[in-house]
Amino acid sequence: MQLYFIRHAESTNNYNRRVTGSSKGRSDDPELTATGQEQAQLLAQFLRNNYSSIPVLERDFQNARGFNFTHLYSSLMIRSVITGTFISQAINLPLKAWVDIHECRGPYFRDDQTDEPIATEGKNRAYFTANHPELILPDYLGEKGWWNRPVEETEQWFVRAKMVFQELIEKHGNSNDRVAIVSHGGFYNCFLATVLNFPPGHCYSFILNNAALSRIDFDNGKVRLCYLNRVDFLPKHLIT
């Protein structure tokens, strides 16, 4: 299996944090900024222009002969869904929701007075049907949002990362699948730490820019980091 971890393009929360250095006024489920829209479009264009209907059997660790994804997953957070939709439409591959690859803590905002995180329910089926009808949703998603629980505790981040890793191996490990997941920077850190057997609780060691590509190969029990945080398809002024 080749795994491609794609971080969503720049969100309004990313922009506010970058400009103000604060998370005050954050959205629980932000949209993309104008910069984020450009990033997602260029990423999708890059993947489309490096696609081939001919299977690439030999080793190509830099994808010089194309990407040729076989599966495309996204978290149910809006910034990932929008980014994933650009990719899906560009390469004509269905986008499937995977709830467990959401960002650490889940959807939440911060109390203006106490700065405490307060969980929200996330978007429901009606929202996605109306706004992202092409997204393949889990059968259980209904009138309630996909989250509907307290803010995720830190120790659960790594439990979830391990679960996602195991599920990936079970579904795609013994195959030639090229799996792309559109997810988040915090979860990327937990996931990569899990794959590399870092000590428990070890996180935020890996930099991941908006819309960046990372590739990890799994072959007969071996793990190969082909590249991390690839943004060479973006002009300098769009790297965030």
Foldseek 3Di string as FASTA:
>chain_A
DKEKEWEFFAWPQNVCCVVPVDSPPPFLFTAHDPLRVVLLLLLLVVQLVQDDPDDDDDDDLPSPNHQHAPAEEEALRNSGLVSSVSNCVSNVHQYEYDNLQEAAQHGWGADPPPRDTFHDFADAPVVCCVPPVRYHYDPPTHPTGPRPDGGHDLQVLLVSLVVVVVVCCVVPVPHPHYYYYHYHDFSVFSNVCNVVVPPRPDGPPDDAWHRFIWMWDHDPNDIDGSDGRDDPSDDPVSTD
